[in-house]
Each structure stands twice: as structure tokens, then as C-alpha cells.
Amino acid sequence: MESENKPSKQPSNIAIVGINIVVLLFYTLISKAIEGGIFLDAFLIAFHFFGCIIIGLAARKWVWVLSAFVVLLIGFSTCVELMGNQL
């Protein structure tokens, strides 16, 4: 009876988006610290975007697709900002 009232251990929808944003922040900071990091950042953003899309389609959880587009939007804007700093 006790196990019926326990909440599931799956992350909530907002936690999935939040974790993806933290991962994006982590590798963007690393990319900014190295010379020519904009190319690494662009590659990692594309990899992260397609990874979220694949997970979303496989798991049939649309929050992963939403997270992919949030990563793409924030990642593109940070790439533009990094390019502006290099000029």
C-alpha cells in the first residue's frame, strides 16, 4: 500500500528543460574560454539539438522537442554574441 502513494522518480517537464539549459551553459562557457571555441560551440549546440529531438521522438515526450528548440534559440544567440566579441 505504501508504494501506491509514492511519486515517480522521473524528472518533471521543467526539470528536463532546466537540465538542458545548464548543460548548454556549461559547454558554452568552456567554448568561450578557448581560442576558436565558436566552432566547438556551434558543433555542440547542433549535437545537443539533434540529440534532444531524437530522445523526444523515441520517448514520445514533447518536452524534449521543446527543450531542443530552447537550446537552439539560446545557443544561436550565444553564437552570435561570441562572434560579435571576436570582431
PDB file of N, CA and C in Angstrom:
ATOM      1  N   MET A   1       0.809  -1.185   0.000  1.00  0.00           N
ATOM      2  CA  MET A   1       0.000   0.000   0.000  1.00  0.00           C
ATOM      3  C   MET A   1       0.860   1.259   0.000  1.00  0.00           C
ATOM      4  N   GLU A   2       1.967   1.213   0.653  1.00  0.00           N
ATOM      5  CA  GLU A   2       2.855   2.358   0.747  1.00  0.00           C
ATOM      6  C   GLU A   2       3.384   2.773  -0.617  1.00  0.00           C
ATOM      7  N   SER A   3       3.665   1.814  -1.489  1.00  0.00           N
ATOM      8  CA  SER A   3       4.257   2.124  -2.787  1.00  0.00           C
ATOM      9  C   SER A   3       3.247   2.797  -3.732  1.00  0.00           C
ATOM     10  N   GLU A   4       1.972   2.683  -3.452  1.00  0.00           N
ATOM     11  CA  GLU A   4       0.965   3.302  -4.316  1.00  0.00           C
ATOM     12  C   GLU A   4       0.976   4.820  -4.194  1.00  0.00           C
ATOM     13  N   ASN A   5       1.366   5.353  -3.065  1.00  0.00           N
ATOM     14  CA  ASN A   5       1.337   6.796  -2.827  1.00  0.00           C
ATOM     15  C   ASN A   5       2.647   7.490  -3.170  1.00  0.00           C
ATOM     16  N   LYS A   6       3.691   6.751  -3.492  1.00  0.00           N
ATOM     17  CA  LYS A   6       4.978   7.360  -3.784  1.00  0.00           C
ATOM     18  C   LYS A   6       4.964   7.989  -5.172  1.00  0.00           C
ATOM     19  N   PRO A   7       5.502   9.202  -5.274  1.00  0.00           N
ATOM     20  CA  PRO A   7       5.583   9.820  -6.599  1.00  0.00           C
ATOM     21  C   PRO A   7       6.665   9.141  -7.436  1.00  0.00           C
ATOM     22  N   SER A   8       6.532   9.238  -8.754  1.00  0.00           N
ATOM     23  CA  SER A   8       7.522   8.605  -9.625  1.00  0.00           C
ATOM     24  C   SER A   8       8.834   9.371  -9.549  1.00  0.00           C
ATOM     25  N   LYS A   9       9.915   8.687  -9.873  1.00  0.00           N
ATOM     26  CA  LYS A   9      11.242   9.276  -9.809  1.00  0.00           C
ATOM     27  C   LYS A   9      11.640   9.935 -11.126  1.00  0.00           C
ATOM     28  N   GLN A  10      10.733  10.047 -12.089  1.00  0.00           N
ATOM     29  CA  GLN A  10      11.042  10.692 -13.351  1.00  0.00           C
ATOM     30  C   GLN A  10      11.097  12.201 -13.149  1.00  0.00           C
ATOM     31  N   PRO A  11      12.034  12.865 -13.853  1.00  0.00           N
ATOM     32  CA  PRO A  11      12.113  14.324 -13.698  1.00  0.00           C
ATOM     33  C   PRO A  11      10.877  15.010 -14.284  1.00  0.00           C
ATOM     34  N   SER A  12      10.534  16.126 -13.698  1.00  0.00           N
ATOM     35  CA  SER A  12       9.380  16.871 -14.214  1.00  0.00           C
ATOM     36  C   SER A  12       9.754  17.531 -15.536  1.00  0.00           C
ATOM     37  N   ASN A  13       8.760  18.026 -16.224  1.00  0.00           N
ATOM     38  CA  ASN A  13       8.991  18.650 -17.518  1.00  0.00           C
ATOM     39  C   ASN A  13       9.907  19.849 -17.430  1.00  0.00           C
ATOM     40  N   ILE A  14       9.715  20.697 -16.435  1.00  0.00           N
ATOM     41  CA  ILE A  14      10.549  21.881 -16.294  1.00  0.00           C
ATOM     42  C   ILE A  14      11.974  21.498 -15.918  1.00  0.00           C
ATOM     43  N   ALA A  15      12.140  20.384 -15.207  1.00  0.00           N
ATOM     44  CA  ALA A  15      13.485  19.928 -14.850  1.00  0.00           C
ATOM     45  C   ALA A  15      14.253  19.475 -16.088  1.00  0.00           C
ATOM     46  N   ILE A  16      13.581  18.856 -17.035  1.00  0.00           N
ATOM     47  CA  ILE A  16      14.238  18.428 -18.272  1.00  0.00           C
ATOM     48  C   ILE A  16      14.748  19.638 -19.038  1.00  0.00           C
ATOM     49  N   VAL A  17      13.926  20.661 -19.162  1.00  0.00           N
ATOM     50  CA  VAL A  17      14.340  21.879 -19.858  1.00  0.00           C
ATOM     51  C   VAL A  17      15.469  22.562 -19.080  1.00  0.00           C
ATOM     52  N   GLY A  18      15.351  22.621 -17.762  1.00  0.00           N
ATOM     53  CA  GLY A  18      16.374  23.251 -16.927  1.00  0.00           C
ATOM     54  C   GLY A  18      17.716  22.555 -17.010  1.00  0.00           C
ATOM     55  N   ILE A  19      17.712  21.242 -16.989  1.00  0.00           N
ATOM     56  CA  ILE A  19      18.966  20.490 -17.085  1.00  0.00           C
ATOM     57  C   ILE A  19      19.613  20.724 -18.439  1.00  0.00           C
ATOM     58  N   ASN A  20      18.819  20.769 -19.500  1.00  0.00           N
ATOM     59  CA  ASN A  20      19.372  21.029 -20.827  1.00  0.00           C
ATOM     60  C   ASN A  20      19.969  22.430 -20.922  1.00  0.00           C
ATOM     61  N   ILE A  21      19.361  23.407 -20.280  1.00  0.00           N
ATOM     62  CA  ILE A  21      19.912  24.760 -20.279  1.00  0.00           C
ATOM     63  C   ILE A  21      21.219  24.811 -19.495  1.00  0.00           C
ATOM     64  N   VAL A  22      21.295  24.104 -18.374  1.00  0.00           N
ATOM     65  CA  VAL A  22      22.538  24.060 -17.591  1.00  0.00           C
ATOM     66  C   VAL A  22      23.655  23.396 -18.387  1.00  0.00           C
ATOM     67  N   VAL A  23      23.347  22.323 -19.104  1.00  0.00           N
ATOM     68  CA  VAL A  23      24.345  21.661 -19.951  1.00  0.00           C
ATOM     69  C   VAL A  23      24.812  22.622 -21.045  1.00  0.00           C
ATOM     70  N   LEU A  24      23.881  23.337 -21.665  1.00  0.00           N
ATOM     71  CA  LEU A  24      24.224  24.331 -22.681  1.00  0.00           C
ATOM     72  C   LEU A  24      25.133  25.409 -22.095  1.00  0.00           C
ATOM     73  N   LEU A  25      24.827  25.902 -20.925  1.00  0.00           N
ATOM     74  CA  LEU A  25      25.642  26.909 -20.258  1.00  0.00           C
ATOM     75  C   LEU A  25      27.048  26.379 -19.991  1.00  0.00           C
ATOM     76  N   PHE A  26      27.144  25.141 -19.549  1.00  0.00           N
ATOM     77  CA  PHE A  26      28.437  24.542 -19.217  1.00  0.00           C
ATOM     78  C   PHE A  26      29.354  24.486 -20.432  1.00  0.00           C
ATOM     79  N   TYR A  27      28.885  23.926 -21.545  1.00  0.00           N
ATOM     80  CA  TYR A  27      29.790  23.818 -22.679  1.00  0.00           C
ATOM     81  C   TYR A  27      29.956  25.120 -23.434  1.00  0.00           C
ATOM     82  N   THR A  28      29.041  26.071 -23.266  1.00  0.00           N
ATOM     83  CA  THR A  28      29.250  27.391 -23.859  1.00  0.00           C
ATOM     84  C   THR A  28      30.351  28.140 -23.112  1.00  0.00           C
ATOM     85  N   LEU A  29      30.384  28.024 -21.801  1.00  0.00           N
ATOM     86  CA  LEU A  29      31.457  28.655 -21.032  1.00  0.00           C
ATOM     87  C   LEU A  29      32.811  28.045 -21.366  1.00  0.00           C
ATOM     88  N   ILE A  30      32.860  26.741 -21.549  1.00  0.00           N
ATOM     89  CA  ILE A  30      34.109  26.089 -21.938  1.00  0.00           C
ATOM     90  C   ILE A  30      34.529  26.559 -23.335  1.00  0.00           C
ATOM     91  N   SER A  31      33.586  26.653 -24.248  1.00  0.00           N
ATOM     92  CA  SER A  31      33.886  27.095 -25.613  1.00  0.00           C
ATOM     93  C   SER A  31      34.367  28.535 -25.642  1.00  0.00           C
ATOM     94  N   LYS A  32      33.827  29.363 -24.783  1.00  0.00           N
ATOM     95  CA  LYS A  32      34.231  30.768 -24.737  1.00  0.00           C
ATOM     96  C   LYS A  32      35.645  30.922 -24.197  1.00  0.00           C
ATOM     97  N   ALA A  33      36.081  29.987 -23.374  1.00  0.00           N
ATOM     98  CA  ALA A  33      37.396  30.081 -22.747  1.00  0.00           C
ATOM     99  C   ALA A  33      38.535  29.689 -23.682  1.00  0.00           C
ATOM    100  N   ILE A  34      38.254  28.972 -24.758  1.00  0.00           N
ATOM    101  CA  ILE A  34      39.326  28.525 -25.650  1.00  0.00           C
ATOM    102  C   ILE A  34      39.298  29.308 -26.962  1.00  0.00           C
ATOM    103  N   GLU A  35      40.454  29.370 -27.622  1.00  0.00           N
ATOM    104  CA  GLU A  35      40.557  30.062 -28.910  1.00  0.00           C
ATOM    105  C   GLU A  35      39.822  29.271 -29.982  1.00  0.00           C
ATOM    106  N   GLY A  36      39.040  29.950 -30.789  1.00  0.00           N
ATOM    107  CA  GLY A  36      38.265  29.285 -31.832  1.00  0.00           C
ATOM    108  C   GLY A  36      37.129  28.445 -31.280  1.00  0.00           C
ATOM    109  N   GLY A  37      36.686  28.769 -30.092  1.00  0.00           N
ATOM    110  CA  GLY A  37      35.651  27.991 -29.427  1.00  0.00           C
ATOM    111  C   GLY A  37      34.275  28.115 -30.038  1.00  0.00           C
ATOM    112  N   ILE A  38      34.088  29.110 -30.906  1.00  0.00           N
ATOM    113  CA  ILE A  38      32.768  29.283 -31.521  1.00  0.00           C
ATOM    114  C   ILE A  38      32.407  28.085 -32.390  1.00  0.00           C
ATOM    115  N   PHE A  39      33.413  27.485 -33.044  1.00  0.00           N
ATOM    116  CA  PHE A  39      33.148  26.312 -33.874  1.00  0.00           C
ATOM    117  C   PHE A  39      32.785  25.104 -33.011  1.00  0.00           C
ATOM    118  N   LEU A  40      33.475  24.965 -31.892  1.00  0.00           N
ATOM    119  CA  LEU A  40      33.144  23.891 -30.953  1.00  0.00           C
ATOM    120  C   LEU A  40      31.746  24.102 -30.392  1.00  0.00           C
ATOM    121  N   ASP A  41      31.442  25.344 -30.055  1.00  0.00           N
ATOM    122  CA  ASP A  41      30.124  25.655 -29.501  1.00  0.00           C
ATOM    123  C   ASP A  41      29.020  25.362 -30.517  1.00  0.00           C
ATOM    124  N   ALA A  42      29.230  25.752 -31.764  1.00  0.00           N
ATOM    125  CA  ALA A  42      28.226  25.503 -32.809  1.00  0.00           C
ATOM    126  C   ALA A  42      28.018  24.004 -33.019  1.00  0.00           C
ATOM    127  N   PHE A  43      29.110  23.239 -33.020  1.00  0.00           N
ATOM    128  CA  PHE A  43      29.002  21.788 -33.173  1.00  0.00           C
ATOM    129  C   PHE A  43      28.251  21.166 -31.999  1.00  0.00           C
ATOM    130  N   LEU A  44      28.579  21.571 -30.790  1.00  0.00           N
ATOM    131  CA  LEU A  44      27.920  21.006 -29.605  1.00  0.00           C
ATOM    132  C   LEU A  44      26.445  21.398 -29.534  1.00  0.00           C
ATOM    133  N   ILE A  45      26.118  22.604 -29.965  1.00  0.00           N
ATOM    134  CA  ILE A  45      24.712  23.017 -29.985  1.00  0.00           C
ATOM    135  C   ILE A  45      23.926  22.165 -30.975  1.00  0.00           C
ATOM    136  N   ALA A  46      24.498  21.944 -32.161  1.00  0.00           N
ATOM    137  CA  ALA A  46      23.816  21.108 -33.164  1.00  0.00           C
ATOM    138  C   ALA A  46      23.650  19.681 -32.650  1.00  0.00           C
ATOM    139  N   PHE A  47      24.697  19.131 -32.040  1.00  0.00           N
ATOM    140  CA  PHE A  47      24.637  17.781 -31.481  1.00  0.00           C
ATOM    141  C   PHE A  47      23.584  17.704 -30.378  1.00  0.00           C
ATOM    142  N   HIS A  48      23.554  18.707 -29.512  1.00  0.00           N
ATOM    143  CA  HIS A  48      22.596  18.761 -28.408  1.00  0.00           C
ATOM    144  C   HIS A  48      21.170  18.866 -28.953  1.00  0.00           C
ATOM    145  N   PHE A  49      20.975  19.720 -29.958  1.00  0.00           N
ATOM    146  CA  PHE A  49      19.652  19.900 -30.572  1.00  0.00           C
ATOM    147  C   PHE A  49      19.142  18.587 -31.159  1.00  0.00           C
ATOM    148  N   PHE A  50      19.954  17.938 -31.995  1.00  0.00           N
ATOM    149  CA  PHE A  50      19.510  16.695 -32.627  1.00  0.00           C
ATOM    150  C   PHE A  50      19.345  15.568 -31.605  1.00  0.00           C
ATOM    151  N   GLY A  51      20.176  15.563 -30.569  1.00  0.00           N
ATOM    152  CA  GLY A  51      20.024  14.572 -29.503  1.00  0.00           C
ATOM    153  C   GLY A  51      18.694  14.712 -28.778  1.00  0.00           C
ATOM    154  N   CYS A  52      18.312  15.952 -28.478  1.00  0.00           N
ATOM    155  CA  CYS A  52      17.016  16.189 -27.818  1.00  0.00           C
ATOM    156  C   CYS A  52      15.849  15.804 -28.723  1.00  0.00           C
ATOM    157  N   ILE A  53      15.972  16.090 -30.022  1.00  0.00           N
ATOM    158  CA  ILE A  53      14.910  15.722 -30.964  1.00  0.00           C
ATOM    159  C   ILE A  53      14.748  14.204 -31.012  1.00  0.00           C
ATOM    160  N   ILE A  54      15.861  13.492 -31.099  1.00  0.00           N
ATOM    161  CA  ILE A  54      15.814  12.022 -31.169  1.00  0.00           C
ATOM    162  C   ILE A  54      15.227  11.434 -29.889  1.00  0.00           C
ATOM    163  N   ILE A  55      15.660  11.938 -28.743  1.00  0.00           N
ATOM    164  CA  ILE A  55      15.116  11.449 -27.469  1.00  0.00           C
ATOM    165  C   ILE A  55      13.621  11.741 -27.387  1.00  0.00           C
ATOM    166  N   GLY A  56      13.226  12.938 -27.821  1.00  0.00           N
ATOM    167  CA  GLY A  56      11.805  13.309 -27.781  1.00  0.00           C
ATOM    168  C   GLY A  56      10.947  12.411 -28.647  1.00  0.00           C
ATOM    169  N   LEU A  57      11.443  12.092 -29.841  1.00  0.00           N
ATOM    170  CA  LEU A  57      10.672  11.212 -30.721  1.00  0.00           C
ATOM    171  C   LEU A  57      10.648   9.776 -30.207  1.00  0.00           C
ATOM    172  N   ALA A  58      11.765   9.319 -29.664  1.00  0.00           N
ATOM    173  CA  ALA A  58      11.831   7.945 -29.169  1.00  0.00           C
ATOM    174  C   ALA A  58      10.982   7.760 -27.906  1.00  0.00           C
ATOM    175  N   ALA A  59      11.042   8.733 -27.012  1.00  0.00           N
ATOM    176  CA  ALA A  59      10.304   8.629 -25.746  1.00  0.00           C
ATOM    177  C   ALA A  59       8.874   9.146 -25.855  1.00  0.00           C
ATOM    178  N   ARG A  60       8.565   9.788 -26.983  1.00  0.00           N
ATOM    179  CA  ARG A  60       7.254  10.399 -27.204  1.00  0.00           C
ATOM    180  C   ARG A  60       6.892  11.386 -26.103  1.00  0.00           C
ATOM    181  N   LYS A  61       7.903  12.147 -25.705  1.00  0.00           N
ATOM    182  CA  LYS A  61       7.710  13.220 -24.731  1.00  0.00           C
ATOM    183  C   LYS A  61       8.052  14.527 -25.433  1.00  0.00           C
ATOM    184  N   TRP A  62       7.047  15.363 -25.622  1.00  0.00           N
ATOM    185  CA  TRP A  62       7.236  16.591 -26.383  1.00  0.00           C
ATOM    186  C   TRP A  62       8.047  17.623 -25.646  1.00  0.00           C
ATOM    187  N   VAL A  63       8.260  17.433 -24.356  1.00  0.00           N
ATOM    188  CA  VAL A  63       9.088  18.377 -23.615  1.00  0.00           C
ATOM    189  C   VAL A  63      10.538  18.326 -24.113  1.00  0.00           C
ATOM    190  N   TRP A  64      10.967  17.181 -24.618  1.00  0.00           N
ATOM    191  CA  TRP A  64      12.323  17.077 -25.182  1.00  0.00           C
ATOM    192  C   TRP A  64      12.429  17.875 -26.475  1.00  0.00           C
ATOM    193  N   VAL A  65      11.383  17.869 -27.283  1.00  0.00           N
ATOM    194  CA  VAL A  65      11.384  18.659 -28.518  1.00  0.00           C
ATOM    195  C   VAL A  65      11.372  20.149 -28.171  1.00  0.00           C
ATOM    196  N   LEU A  66      10.566  20.534 -27.191  1.00  0.00           N
ATOM    197  CA  LEU A  66      10.564  21.910 -26.712  1.00  0.00           C
ATOM    198  C   LEU A  66      11.948  22.300 -26.213  1.00  0.00           C
ATOM    199  N   SER A  67      12.564  21.415 -25.461  1.00  0.00           N
ATOM    200  CA  SER A  67      13.892  21.663 -24.937  1.00  0.00           C
ATOM    201  C   SER A  67      14.908  21.820 -26.067  1.00  0.00           C
ATOM    202  N   ALA A  68      14.751  21.042 -27.128  1.00  0.00           N
ATOM    203  CA  ALA A  68      15.655  21.148 -28.278  1.00  0.00           C
ATOM    204  C   ALA A  68      15.569  22.538 -28.900  1.00  0.00           C
ATOM    205  N   PHE A  69      14.362  23.066 -29.041  1.00  0.00           N
ATOM    206  CA  PHE A  69      14.214  24.382 -29.642  1.00  0.00           C
ATOM    207  C   PHE A  69      14.658  25.499 -28.702  1.00  0.00           C
ATOM    208  N   VAL A  70      14.529  25.295 -27.405  1.00  0.00           N
ATOM    209  CA  VAL A  70      15.061  26.272 -26.445  1.00  0.00           C
ATOM    210  C   VAL A  70      16.585  26.293 -26.539  1.00  0.00           C
ATOM    211  N   VAL A  71      17.203  25.112 -26.617  1.00  0.00           N
ATOM    212  CA  VAL A  71      18.653  25.018 -26.768  1.00  0.00           C
ATOM    213  C   VAL A  71      19.094  25.680 -28.066  1.00  0.00           C
ATOM    214  N   LEU A  72      18.364  25.442 -29.141  1.00  0.00           N
ATOM    215  CA  LEU A  72      18.709  26.041 -30.430  1.00  0.00           C
ATOM    216  C   LEU A  72      18.606  27.569 -30.376  1.00  0.00           C
ATOM    217  N   LEU A  73      17.544  28.082 -29.792  1.00  0.00           N
ATOM    218  CA  LEU A  73      17.341  29.523 -29.712  1.00  0.00           C
ATOM    219  C   LEU A  73      18.408  30.197 -28.848  1.00  0.00           C
ATOM    220  N   ILE A  74      18.634  29.671 -27.657  1.00  0.00           N
ATOM    221  CA  ILE A  74      19.633  30.252 -26.763  1.00  0.00           C
ATOM    222  C   ILE A  74      21.034  30.034 -27.327  1.00  0.00           C
ATOM    223  N   GLY A  75      21.277  28.861 -27.878  1.00  0.00           N
ATOM    224  CA  GLY A  75      22.589  28.563 -28.439  1.00  0.00           C
ATOM    225  C   GLY A  75      22.926  29.441 -29.629  1.00  0.00           C
ATOM    226  N   PHE A  76      21.958  29.676 -30.519  1.00  0.00           N
ATOM    227  CA  PHE A  76      22.199  30.543 -31.670  1.00  0.00           C
ATOM    228  C   PHE A  76      22.525  31.960 -31.213  1.00  0.00           C
ATOM    229  N   SER A  77      21.792  32.453 -30.232  1.00  0.00           N
ATOM    230  CA  SER A  77      22.045  33.816 -29.758  1.00  0.00           C
ATOM    231  C   SER A  77      23.395  33.931 -29.069  1.00  0.00           C
ATOM    232  N   THR A  78      23.838  32.884 -28.382  1.00  0.00           N
ATOM    233  CA  THR A  78      25.173  32.935 -27.778  1.00  0.00           C
ATOM    234  C   THR A  78      26.260  32.839 -28.835  1.00  0.00           C
ATOM    235  N   CYS A  79      26.024  32.096 -29.908  1.00  0.00           N
ATOM    236  CA  CYS A  79      26.999  32.043 -31.009  1.00  0.00           C
ATOM    237  C   CYS A  79      27.132  33.418 -31.653  1.00  0.00           C
ATOM    238  N   VAL A  80      26.024  34.108 -31.838  1.00  0.00           N
ATOM    239  CA  VAL A  80      26.073  35.443 -32.409  1.00  0.00           C
ATOM    240  C   VAL A  80      26.837  36.386 -31.487  1.00  0.00           C
ATOM    241  N   GLU A  81      26.609  36.247 -30.196  1.00  0.00           N
ATOM    242  CA  GLU A  81      27.331  37.081 -29.211  1.00  0.00           C
ATOM    243  C   GLU A  81      28.819  36.749 -29.225  1.00  0.00           C
ATOM    244  N   LEU A  82      29.179  35.500 -29.314  1.00  0.00           N
ATOM    245  CA  LEU A  82      30.600  35.119 -29.366  1.00  0.00           C
ATOM    246  C   LEU A  82      31.265  35.657 -30.623  1.00  0.00           C
ATOM    247  N   MET A  83      30.563  35.622 -31.743  1.00  0.00           N
ATOM    248  CA  MET A  83      31.118  36.174 -32.991  1.00  0.00           C
ATOM    249  C   MET A  83      31.297  37.681 -32.863  1.00  0.00           C
ATOM    250  N   GLY A  84      30.382  38.351 -32.199  1.00  0.00           N
ATOM    251  CA  GLY A  84      30.497  39.797 -32.003  1.00  0.00           C
ATOM    252  C   GLY A  84      31.698  40.163 -31.161  1.00  0.00           C
ATOM    253  N   ASN A  85      32.052  39.341 -30.212  1.00  0.00           N
ATOM    254  CA  ASN A  85      33.220  39.596 -29.379  1.00  0.00           C
ATOM    255  C   ASN A  85      34.526  39.354 -30.107  1.00  0.00           C
ATOM    256  N   GLN A  86      34.517  38.515 -31.135  1.00  0.00           N
ATOM    257  CA  GLN A  86      35.741  38.195 -31.857  1.00  0.00           C
ATOM    258  C   GLN A  86      36.058  39.231 -32.923  1.00  0.00           C
ATOM    259  N   LEU A  87      35.093  40.050 -33.311  1.00  0.00           N
ATOM    260  CA  LEU A  87      35.324  41.060 -34.355  1.00  0.00           C
ATOM    261  C   LEU A  87      36.019  42.268 -33.834  1.00  0.00           C
TER     262      LEU A  87
END
